Amino acid sequence: PVRPGLVLTALLLSAAGYSLLQSLVVPALPTLTAELGASTTGAAWIFTVFLLTTCVATPIVGRLGDMLGRRRLLLAMLVAVIVGSFVAAVADSLAVMIAGRAVQGLGGAVFPLAFGIIREVLPRERVSTSIALVSGVLGIGGVLGIVLAGPILDHLSYHWLFWIPLAAIVPVAVA
C-alpha cells in the first residue's frame, strides 16, 4: 500500500536536494575559479550549465513522465543528480566540473514529476497544500544553499559542496 506521508516526505527531500545544488555554488564561484584555475567566464559556466540543463530537461522529462511513468523517471533523475554530484565532487578541472553540473541540472525535472506523483497518490484535499510545500522548498533550498556555502567553504573544501547533497540524495532515491 502507498503511504502518502512517506511519498510526500521523499518528494520534499528530492526537491530540497535539487534546490540546494542550484544555489550552493553561487557564493563558491570565486573559490572554484581559483581552485580549478578557471577564468571568470569559465567559472560562470559552472552555474549557467546547470540552469541550461534544467530548462531543457524539465519540460521534456515531465512529459516523458506522463507517458512512461513518473516514479520511474523521478528515480532516473535522482540517479542523474547522484552521478552529477559525484562527478562534481571529484572534479579537479573546469571541464569535469561543468560536465558534473550539467548532469546535476537534470534534477530540475523533479518538480513536474513530483507534482504529478502528488496528484496520483495523495488524497484530493491534500494535493494543493502538498504542491505548495514542494514549490516552497525550491525557494527555501535556494536561500539555504547560499547561506550554507559559507560555512562549508570555511571549514571544508569546495568538494563538500557536492558530497553533502550527494549523501542526502542517496537515501531519498532509495526511499
N, C-alpha and C. Protein backbone atom coordinates (compact mmCIF):
# COMPACT_ATOMS: atom_id res chain seq x y z
N PRO A 1 0.83 -1.20 0.00
CA PRO A 1 0.00 0.00 0.00
C PRO A 1 0.87 1.26 0.00
N VAL A 2 0.36 2.26 -0.68
CA VAL A 2 1.08 3.53 -0.77
C VAL A 2 0.86 4.34 0.50
N ARG A 3 1.93 4.88 1.03
CA ARG A 3 1.86 5.73 2.22
C ARG A 3 2.05 7.18 1.79
N PRO A 4 0.96 7.95 1.72
CA PRO A 4 1.07 9.32 1.22
C PRO A 4 2.07 10.18 1.99
N GLY A 5 2.14 10.04 3.30
CA GLY A 5 3.08 10.84 4.08
C GLY A 5 4.52 10.54 3.72
N LEU A 6 4.83 9.28 3.53
CA LEU A 6 6.18 8.87 3.15
C LEU A 6 6.52 9.36 1.74
N VAL A 7 5.55 9.25 0.84
CA VAL A 7 5.76 9.73 -0.53
C VAL A 7 6.02 11.22 -0.53
N LEU A 8 5.22 11.99 0.20
CA LEU A 8 5.41 13.44 0.25
C LEU A 8 6.76 13.79 0.86
N THR A 9 7.16 13.09 1.91
CA THR A 9 8.47 13.35 2.53
C THR A 9 9.60 13.11 1.53
N ALA A 10 9.53 12.01 0.79
CA ALA A 10 10.56 11.71 -0.21
C ALA A 10 10.59 12.78 -1.31
N LEU A 11 9.41 13.23 -1.72
CA LEU A 11 9.35 14.27 -2.75
C LEU A 11 9.91 15.59 -2.24
N LEU A 12 9.60 15.93 -1.00
CA LEU A 12 10.13 17.17 -0.40
C LEU A 12 11.65 17.11 -0.30
N LEU A 13 12.17 15.98 0.11
CA LEU A 13 13.63 15.84 0.22
C LEU A 13 14.30 15.87 -1.16
N SER A 14 13.64 15.28 -2.16
CA SER A 14 14.17 15.34 -3.53
C SER A 14 14.25 16.78 -4.01
N ALA A 15 13.18 17.52 -3.79
CA ALA A 15 13.14 18.92 -4.20
C ALA A 15 14.18 19.74 -3.44
N ALA A 16 14.35 19.45 -2.15
CA ALA A 16 15.33 20.17 -1.34
C ALA A 16 16.75 19.91 -1.85
N GLY A 17 17.04 18.67 -2.17
CA GLY A 17 18.38 18.35 -2.68
C GLY A 17 18.69 19.10 -3.96
N TYR A 18 17.74 19.12 -4.87
CA TYR A 18 17.95 19.86 -6.12
C TYR A 18 18.13 21.35 -5.85
N SER A 19 17.25 21.92 -5.04
CA SER A 19 17.31 23.37 -4.84
C SER A 19 18.60 23.80 -4.12
N LEU A 20 19.12 22.96 -3.25
CA LEU A 20 20.42 23.26 -2.63
C LEU A 20 21.53 23.27 -3.67
N LEU A 21 21.51 22.28 -4.55
CA LEU A 21 22.56 22.19 -5.56
C LEU A 21 22.55 23.37 -6.52
N GLN A 22 21.37 23.93 -6.75
CA GLN A 22 21.33 25.05 -7.69
C GLN A 22 22.00 26.28 -7.12
N SER A 23 21.96 26.47 -5.80
CA SER A 23 22.48 27.72 -5.24
C SER A 23 23.78 27.58 -4.45
N LEU A 24 24.19 26.40 -4.08
CA LEU A 24 25.41 26.24 -3.29
C LEU A 24 26.65 26.80 -3.99
N VAL A 25 26.69 26.73 -5.29
CA VAL A 25 27.90 27.15 -6.00
C VAL A 25 28.00 28.66 -6.18
N VAL A 26 26.90 29.38 -6.03
CA VAL A 26 26.94 30.82 -6.30
C VAL A 26 27.98 31.53 -5.42
N PRO A 27 27.95 31.38 -4.09
CA PRO A 27 28.98 32.03 -3.29
C PRO A 27 30.36 31.41 -3.47
N ALA A 28 30.40 30.20 -4.02
CA ALA A 28 31.67 29.49 -4.18
C ALA A 28 32.36 29.79 -5.50
N LEU A 29 31.74 30.56 -6.39
CA LEU A 29 32.35 30.79 -7.70
C LEU A 29 33.76 31.37 -7.62
N PRO A 30 34.05 32.34 -6.74
CA PRO A 30 35.45 32.80 -6.65
C PRO A 30 36.41 31.69 -6.21
N THR A 31 35.98 30.87 -5.26
CA THR A 31 36.81 29.75 -4.81
C THR A 31 37.00 28.74 -5.94
N LEU A 32 35.91 28.41 -6.63
CA LEU A 32 36.01 27.45 -7.74
C LEU A 32 36.90 28.00 -8.85
N THR A 33 36.81 29.29 -9.11
CA THR A 33 37.67 29.91 -10.13
C THR A 33 39.14 29.71 -9.78
N ALA A 34 39.49 29.98 -8.53
CA ALA A 34 40.88 29.84 -8.09
C ALA A 34 41.32 28.38 -8.05
N GLU A 35 40.49 27.52 -7.45
CA GLU A 35 40.86 26.11 -7.27
C GLU A 35 40.97 25.36 -8.60
N LEU A 36 40.12 25.70 -9.55
CA LEU A 36 40.11 24.99 -10.83
C LEU A 36 40.95 25.69 -11.89
N GLY A 37 41.54 26.82 -11.53
CA GLY A 37 42.36 27.57 -12.48
C GLY A 37 41.55 28.07 -13.66
N ALA A 38 40.34 28.50 -13.40
CA ALA A 38 39.42 28.90 -14.47
C ALA A 38 39.38 30.41 -14.60
N SER A 39 38.95 30.84 -15.75
CA SER A 39 38.68 32.27 -15.94
C SER A 39 37.32 32.57 -15.31
N THR A 40 37.01 33.83 -15.17
CA THR A 40 35.71 34.22 -14.63
C THR A 40 34.59 33.71 -15.53
N THR A 41 34.79 33.81 -16.83
CA THR A 41 33.79 33.32 -17.78
C THR A 41 33.62 31.81 -17.66
N GLY A 42 34.72 31.10 -17.55
CA GLY A 42 34.66 29.65 -17.39
C GLY A 42 33.94 29.25 -16.13
N ALA A 43 34.24 29.94 -15.04
CA ALA A 43 33.58 29.64 -13.77
C ALA A 43 32.09 29.94 -13.83
N ALA A 44 31.70 30.95 -14.58
CA ALA A 44 30.28 31.26 -14.72
C ALA A 44 29.52 30.11 -15.36
N TRP A 45 30.21 29.32 -16.18
CA TRP A 45 29.56 28.17 -16.81
C TRP A 45 29.22 27.09 -15.79
N ILE A 46 29.89 27.08 -14.66
CA ILE A 46 29.57 26.11 -13.61
C ILE A 46 28.13 26.31 -13.15
N PHE A 47 27.71 27.54 -13.07
CA PHE A 47 26.33 27.87 -12.68
C PHE A 47 25.39 27.82 -13.89
N THR A 48 25.83 28.37 -15.00
CA THR A 48 24.98 28.50 -16.18
C THR A 48 24.60 27.15 -16.78
N VAL A 49 25.54 26.22 -16.87
CA VAL A 49 25.23 24.93 -17.49
C VAL A 49 24.17 24.18 -16.69
N PHE A 50 24.19 24.35 -15.39
CA PHE A 50 23.17 23.73 -14.52
C PHE A 50 21.79 24.26 -14.89
N LEU A 51 21.67 25.57 -15.02
CA LEU A 51 20.39 26.18 -15.36
C LEU A 51 19.93 25.81 -16.77
N LEU A 52 20.87 25.78 -17.72
CA LEU A 52 20.50 25.39 -19.09
C LEU A 52 19.98 23.97 -19.15
N THR A 53 20.67 23.06 -18.49
CA THR A 53 20.23 21.67 -18.47
C THR A 53 18.87 21.55 -17.81
N THR A 54 18.67 22.28 -16.74
CA THR A 54 17.37 22.26 -16.05
C THR A 54 16.27 22.76 -16.97
N CYS A 55 16.51 23.85 -17.67
CA CYS A 55 15.50 24.43 -18.56
C CYS A 55 15.11 23.48 -19.68
N VAL A 56 16.07 22.75 -20.19
CA VAL A 56 15.79 21.82 -21.28
C VAL A 56 15.14 20.54 -20.74
N ALA A 57 15.67 20.02 -19.66
CA ALA A 57 15.22 18.72 -19.15
C ALA A 57 13.84 18.76 -18.51
N THR A 58 13.51 19.84 -17.83
CA THR A 58 12.28 19.88 -17.05
C THR A 58 11.03 19.61 -17.89
N PRO A 59 10.78 20.32 -18.97
CA PRO A 59 9.56 20.00 -19.73
C PRO A 59 9.62 18.66 -20.44
N ILE A 60 10.80 18.30 -20.93
CA ILE A 60 10.91 17.04 -21.67
C ILE A 60 10.70 15.85 -20.74
N VAL A 61 11.38 15.85 -19.61
CA VAL A 61 11.26 14.74 -18.67
C VAL A 61 9.88 14.73 -18.03
N GLY A 62 9.31 15.91 -17.79
CA GLY A 62 7.95 15.96 -17.26
C GLY A 62 6.98 15.26 -18.19
N ARG A 63 7.10 15.53 -19.48
CA ARG A 63 6.21 14.88 -20.46
C ARG A 63 6.51 13.39 -20.56
N LEU A 64 7.77 13.02 -20.56
CA LEU A 64 8.11 11.59 -20.58
C LEU A 64 7.56 10.88 -19.34
N GLY A 65 7.55 11.58 -18.22
CA GLY A 65 6.97 11.01 -17.01
C GLY A 65 5.49 10.72 -17.19
N ASP A 66 4.78 11.60 -17.89
CA ASP A 66 3.36 11.37 -18.18
C ASP A 66 3.19 10.11 -19.03
N MET A 67 4.12 9.89 -19.94
CA MET A 67 3.99 8.77 -20.88
C MET A 67 4.56 7.45 -20.33
N LEU A 68 5.66 7.52 -19.61
CA LEU A 68 6.39 6.31 -19.22
C LEU A 68 6.30 5.97 -17.74
N GLY A 69 5.80 6.89 -16.96
CA GLY A 69 5.70 6.65 -15.52
C GLY A 69 6.56 7.65 -14.75
N ARG A 70 5.90 8.40 -13.89
CA ARG A 70 6.59 9.46 -13.14
C ARG A 70 7.58 8.89 -12.14
N ARG A 71 7.20 7.85 -11.45
CA ARG A 71 8.08 7.28 -10.42
C ARG A 71 9.39 6.81 -11.04
N ARG A 72 9.29 6.12 -12.16
CA ARG A 72 10.47 5.59 -12.85
C ARG A 72 11.39 6.74 -13.27
N LEU A 73 10.82 7.79 -13.85
CA LEU A 73 11.64 8.90 -14.29
C LEU A 73 12.18 9.73 -13.13
N LEU A 74 11.41 9.83 -12.05
CA LEU A 74 11.91 10.52 -10.86
C LEU A 74 13.15 9.80 -10.34
N LEU A 75 13.08 8.50 -10.27
CA LEU A 75 14.23 7.72 -9.82
C LEU A 75 15.42 7.92 -10.76
N ALA A 76 15.16 7.93 -12.06
CA ALA A 76 16.25 8.15 -13.03
C ALA A 76 16.87 9.53 -12.85
N MET A 77 16.05 10.53 -12.59
CA MET A 77 16.59 11.89 -12.40
C MET A 77 17.38 11.98 -11.10
N LEU A 78 16.93 11.29 -10.06
CA LEU A 78 17.69 11.29 -8.81
C LEU A 78 19.04 10.58 -9.00
N VAL A 79 19.05 9.53 -9.77
CA VAL A 79 20.31 8.85 -10.07
C VAL A 79 21.22 9.79 -10.87
N ALA A 80 20.65 10.54 -11.81
CA ALA A 80 21.45 11.51 -12.57
C ALA A 80 22.04 12.56 -11.64
N VAL A 81 21.25 13.04 -10.69
CA VAL A 81 21.76 14.03 -9.73
C VAL A 81 22.88 13.42 -8.89
N ILE A 82 22.72 12.18 -8.49
CA ILE A 82 23.76 11.49 -7.72
C ILE A 82 25.04 11.38 -8.54
N VAL A 83 24.92 10.95 -9.79
CA VAL A 83 26.09 10.82 -10.65
C VAL A 83 26.74 12.18 -10.89
N GLY A 84 25.93 13.18 -11.20
CA GLY A 84 26.45 14.53 -11.43
C GLY A 84 27.13 15.09 -10.20
N SER A 85 26.55 14.83 -9.03
CA SER A 85 27.15 15.31 -7.77
C SER A 85 28.48 14.62 -7.52
N PHE A 86 28.55 13.33 -7.81
CA PHE A 86 29.80 12.60 -7.64
C PHE A 86 30.87 13.17 -8.56
N VAL A 87 30.51 13.38 -9.83
CA VAL A 87 31.48 13.92 -10.79
C VAL A 87 31.95 15.30 -10.34
N ALA A 88 31.02 16.15 -9.91
CA ALA A 88 31.39 17.50 -9.45
C ALA A 88 32.24 17.43 -8.18
N ALA A 89 31.94 16.48 -7.31
CA ALA A 89 32.68 16.36 -6.05
C ALA A 89 34.14 15.96 -6.27
N VAL A 90 34.39 15.15 -7.28
CA VAL A 90 35.75 14.71 -7.54
C VAL A 90 36.45 15.55 -8.60
N ALA A 91 35.76 16.54 -9.14
CA ALA A 91 36.32 17.36 -10.22
C ALA A 91 37.57 18.10 -9.78
N ASP A 92 38.56 18.05 -10.64
CA ASP A 92 39.77 18.82 -10.40
C ASP A 92 40.12 19.70 -11.60
N SER A 93 39.15 19.77 -12.54
CA SER A 93 39.32 20.66 -13.68
C SER A 93 37.97 21.29 -14.00
N LEU A 94 38.02 22.38 -14.71
CA LEU A 94 36.79 23.09 -15.07
C LEU A 94 35.90 22.23 -15.95
N ALA A 95 36.48 21.53 -16.90
CA ALA A 95 35.68 20.71 -17.82
C ALA A 95 34.91 19.62 -17.08
N VAL A 96 35.56 18.97 -16.14
CA VAL A 96 34.90 17.91 -15.37
C VAL A 96 33.81 18.51 -14.49
N MET A 97 34.09 19.65 -13.89
CA MET A 97 33.08 20.32 -13.06
C MET A 97 31.85 20.69 -13.89
N ILE A 98 32.07 21.25 -15.06
CA ILE A 98 30.96 21.64 -15.92
C ILE A 98 30.16 20.41 -16.34
N ALA A 99 30.84 19.32 -16.63
CA ALA A 99 30.13 18.09 -17.00
C ALA A 99 29.27 17.59 -15.84
N GLY A 100 29.83 17.59 -14.64
CA GLY A 100 29.07 17.16 -13.47
C GLY A 100 27.87 18.05 -13.21
N ARG A 101 28.05 19.34 -13.34
CA ARG A 101 26.95 20.28 -13.13
C ARG A 101 25.87 20.13 -14.21
N ALA A 102 26.27 19.83 -15.43
CA ALA A 102 25.28 19.62 -16.49
C ALA A 102 24.40 18.42 -16.16
N VAL A 103 25.00 17.35 -15.68
CA VAL A 103 24.22 16.17 -15.31
C VAL A 103 23.34 16.47 -14.10
N GLN A 104 23.86 17.21 -13.14
CA GLN A 104 23.05 17.59 -11.97
C GLN A 104 21.81 18.37 -12.39
N GLY A 105 21.92 19.18 -13.39
CA GLY A 105 20.80 20.01 -13.84
C GLY A 105 19.58 19.21 -14.25
N LEU A 106 19.76 17.95 -14.58
CA LEU A 106 18.62 17.10 -14.90
C LEU A 106 17.64 17.00 -13.73
N GLY A 107 18.14 17.29 -12.53
CA GLY A 107 17.31 17.21 -11.33
C GLY A 107 16.16 18.19 -11.32
N GLY A 108 16.19 19.20 -12.18
CA GLY A 108 15.08 20.14 -12.25
C GLY A 108 13.77 19.45 -12.61
N ALA A 109 13.87 18.32 -13.26
CA ALA A 109 12.67 17.55 -13.63
C ALA A 109 11.98 16.96 -12.41
N VAL A 110 12.61 17.04 -11.26
CA VAL A 110 11.99 16.55 -10.03
C VAL A 110 10.66 17.25 -9.79
N PHE A 111 10.59 18.53 -10.13
CA PHE A 111 9.39 19.30 -9.80
C PHE A 111 8.15 18.87 -10.58
N PRO A 112 8.17 18.82 -11.91
CA PRO A 112 6.94 18.37 -12.57
C PRO A 112 6.60 16.93 -12.24
N LEU A 113 7.62 16.10 -12.06
CA LEU A 113 7.36 14.71 -11.70
C LEU A 113 6.73 14.62 -10.31
N ALA A 114 7.24 15.42 -9.37
CA ALA A 114 6.69 15.42 -8.01
C ALA A 114 5.24 15.89 -8.02
N PHE A 115 4.93 16.92 -8.81
CA PHE A 115 3.56 17.41 -8.86
C PHE A 115 2.62 16.34 -9.39
N GLY A 116 3.05 15.62 -10.41
CA GLY A 116 2.23 14.54 -10.95
C GLY A 116 2.04 13.40 -9.96
N ILE A 117 3.11 13.05 -9.26
CA ILE A 117 3.02 11.97 -8.26
C ILE A 117 2.09 12.39 -7.13
N ILE A 118 2.17 13.64 -6.72
CA ILE A 118 1.29 14.13 -5.66
C ILE A 118 -0.16 13.98 -6.08
N ARG A 119 -0.47 14.37 -7.32
CA ARG A 119 -1.84 14.24 -7.82
C ARG A 119 -2.30 12.79 -7.89
N GLU A 120 -1.38 11.87 -8.15
CA GLU A 120 -1.73 10.45 -8.26
C GLU A 120 -1.93 9.78 -6.90
N VAL A 121 -1.11 10.15 -5.93
CA VAL A 121 -1.01 9.39 -4.70
C VAL A 121 -1.77 9.99 -3.52
N LEU A 122 -1.72 11.30 -3.41
CA LEU A 122 -2.30 11.93 -2.22
C LEU A 122 -3.81 12.13 -2.38
N PRO A 123 -4.51 12.13 -1.26
CA PRO A 123 -5.95 12.43 -1.32
C PRO A 123 -6.17 13.84 -1.88
N ARG A 124 -7.26 14.02 -2.59
CA ARG A 124 -7.56 15.28 -3.27
C ARG A 124 -7.43 16.49 -2.35
N GLU A 125 -7.88 16.36 -1.11
CA GLU A 125 -7.84 17.51 -0.19
C GLU A 125 -6.43 17.90 0.23
N ARG A 126 -5.45 17.05 0.00
CA ARG A 126 -4.06 17.36 0.36
C ARG A 126 -3.20 17.77 -0.83
N VAL A 127 -3.75 17.71 -2.03
CA VAL A 127 -2.96 17.96 -3.23
C VAL A 127 -2.45 19.40 -3.29
N SER A 128 -3.31 20.38 -3.15
CA SER A 128 -2.87 21.77 -3.31
C SER A 128 -1.85 22.17 -2.24
N THR A 129 -2.07 21.75 -1.01
CA THR A 129 -1.12 22.06 0.07
C THR A 129 0.22 21.38 -0.18
N SER A 130 0.18 20.15 -0.65
CA SER A 130 1.41 19.40 -0.91
C SER A 130 2.20 20.01 -2.06
N ILE A 131 1.51 20.43 -3.11
CA ILE A 131 2.20 21.08 -4.23
C ILE A 131 2.81 22.40 -3.76
N ALA A 132 2.10 23.12 -2.92
CA ALA A 132 2.64 24.37 -2.37
C ALA A 132 3.88 24.11 -1.53
N LEU A 133 3.87 23.03 -0.75
CA LEU A 133 5.05 22.69 0.06
C LEU A 133 6.26 22.38 -0.81
N VAL A 134 6.05 21.57 -1.84
CA VAL A 134 7.15 21.21 -2.73
C VAL A 134 7.66 22.46 -3.45
N SER A 135 6.76 23.33 -3.88
CA SER A 135 7.16 24.58 -4.53
C SER A 135 7.94 25.47 -3.58
N GLY A 136 7.49 25.55 -2.34
CA GLY A 136 8.16 26.37 -1.33
C GLY A 136 9.57 25.89 -1.04
N VAL A 137 9.77 24.59 -1.13
CA VAL A 137 11.10 24.03 -0.88
C VAL A 137 12.11 24.56 -1.89
N LEU A 138 11.65 24.83 -3.11
CA LEU A 138 12.56 25.37 -4.12
C LEU A 138 13.14 26.70 -3.65
N GLY A 139 12.29 27.58 -3.15
CA GLY A 139 12.77 28.88 -2.66
C GLY A 139 13.60 28.76 -1.40
N ILE A 140 13.13 27.97 -0.46
CA ILE A 140 13.84 27.80 0.81
C ILE A 140 15.21 27.16 0.58
N GLY A 141 15.24 26.12 -0.25
CA GLY A 141 16.51 25.46 -0.54
C GLY A 141 17.49 26.38 -1.24
N GLY A 142 16.95 27.23 -2.12
CA GLY A 142 17.82 28.18 -2.81
C GLY A 142 18.49 29.14 -1.84
N VAL A 143 17.73 29.62 -0.87
CA VAL A 143 18.28 30.53 0.14
C VAL A 143 19.26 29.77 1.05
N LEU A 144 18.88 28.59 1.48
CA LEU A 144 19.75 27.81 2.36
C LEU A 144 21.08 27.47 1.69
N GLY A 145 21.03 27.18 0.39
CA GLY A 145 22.26 26.87 -0.33
C GLY A 145 23.25 28.01 -0.28
N ILE A 146 22.75 29.22 -0.45
CA ILE A 146 23.64 30.39 -0.40
C ILE A 146 24.21 30.57 1.00
N VAL A 147 23.39 30.35 2.01
CA VAL A 147 23.83 30.53 3.39
C VAL A 147 24.80 29.42 3.81
N LEU A 148 24.51 28.19 3.44
CA LEU A 148 25.34 27.05 3.87
C LEU A 148 26.69 26.99 3.16
N ALA A 149 26.77 27.58 1.98
CA ALA A 149 28.03 27.52 1.23
C ALA A 149 29.18 28.15 2.02
N GLY A 150 28.91 29.23 2.74
CA GLY A 150 29.97 29.90 3.50
C GLY A 150 30.64 29.01 4.52
N PRO A 151 29.87 28.43 5.46
CA PRO A 151 30.49 27.55 6.44
C PRO A 151 31.16 26.32 5.82
N ILE A 152 30.58 25.79 4.75
CA ILE A 152 31.19 24.64 4.10
C ILE A 152 32.55 25.03 3.53
N LEU A 153 32.61 26.16 2.85
CA LEU A 153 33.88 26.61 2.27
C LEU A 153 34.88 27.03 3.34
N ASP A 154 34.40 27.58 4.45
CA ASP A 154 35.30 28.00 5.53
C ASP A 154 35.96 26.82 6.23
N HIS A 155 35.23 25.72 6.38
CA HIS A 155 35.72 24.60 7.19
C HIS A 155 36.10 23.36 6.39
N LEU A 156 35.66 23.31 5.16
CA LEU A 156 35.94 22.15 4.31
C LEU A 156 36.38 22.65 2.94
N SER A 157 36.54 21.78 1.99
CA SER A 157 36.91 22.21 0.64
C SER A 157 35.65 22.34 -0.22
N TYR A 158 35.84 22.89 -1.42
CA TYR A 158 34.69 23.04 -2.32
C TYR A 158 34.08 21.70 -2.70
N HIS A 159 34.83 20.64 -2.60
CA HIS A 159 34.31 19.30 -2.92
C HIS A 159 33.10 18.96 -2.06
N TRP A 160 33.09 19.46 -0.84
CA TRP A 160 32.00 19.15 0.09
C TRP A 160 30.69 19.84 -0.30
N LEU A 161 30.76 20.84 -1.17
CA LEU A 161 29.53 21.44 -1.69
C LEU A 161 28.71 20.41 -2.47
N PHE A 162 29.37 19.35 -2.89
CA PHE A 162 28.71 18.30 -3.67
C PHE A 162 28.60 16.99 -2.89
N TRP A 163 29.57 16.72 -2.00
CA TRP A 163 29.48 15.49 -1.21
C TRP A 163 28.29 15.52 -0.25
N ILE A 164 28.04 16.65 0.39
CA ILE A 164 26.96 16.73 1.37
C ILE A 164 25.59 16.52 0.72
N PRO A 165 25.27 17.23 -0.37
CA PRO A 165 23.98 16.94 -1.03
C PRO A 165 23.91 15.50 -1.57
N LEU A 166 25.03 15.00 -2.05
CA LEU A 166 25.07 13.62 -2.55
C LEU A 166 24.66 12.65 -1.43
N ALA A 167 25.24 12.85 -0.26
CA ALA A 167 24.91 11.98 0.88
C ALA A 167 23.44 12.10 1.29
N ALA A 168 22.85 13.26 1.04
CA ALA A 168 21.43 13.44 1.39
C ALA A 168 20.50 12.86 0.32
N ILE A 169 20.92 12.87 -0.94
CA ILE A 169 20.04 12.44 -2.02
C ILE A 169 20.01 10.93 -2.16
N VAL A 170 21.10 10.25 -1.84
CA VAL A 170 21.12 8.79 -1.98
C VAL A 170 20.01 8.12 -1.19
N PRO A 171 19.82 8.43 0.10
CA PRO A 171 18.70 7.78 0.83
C PRO A 171 17.33 8.15 0.26
N VAL A 172 17.21 9.34 -0.29
CA VAL A 172 15.93 9.74 -0.89
C VAL A 172 15.64 8.88 -2.10
N ALA A 173 16.66 8.64 -2.93
CA ALA A 173 16.47 7.79 -4.10
C ALA A 173 16.10 6.38 -3.70
N VAL A 174 16.69 5.90 -2.62
CA VAL A 174 16.35 4.56 -2.12
C VAL A 174 14.91 4.53 -1.63
N ALA A 175 14.48 5.61 -0.95
CA ALA A 175 13.10 5.68 -0.43
C ALA A 175 12.12 5.72 -1.59
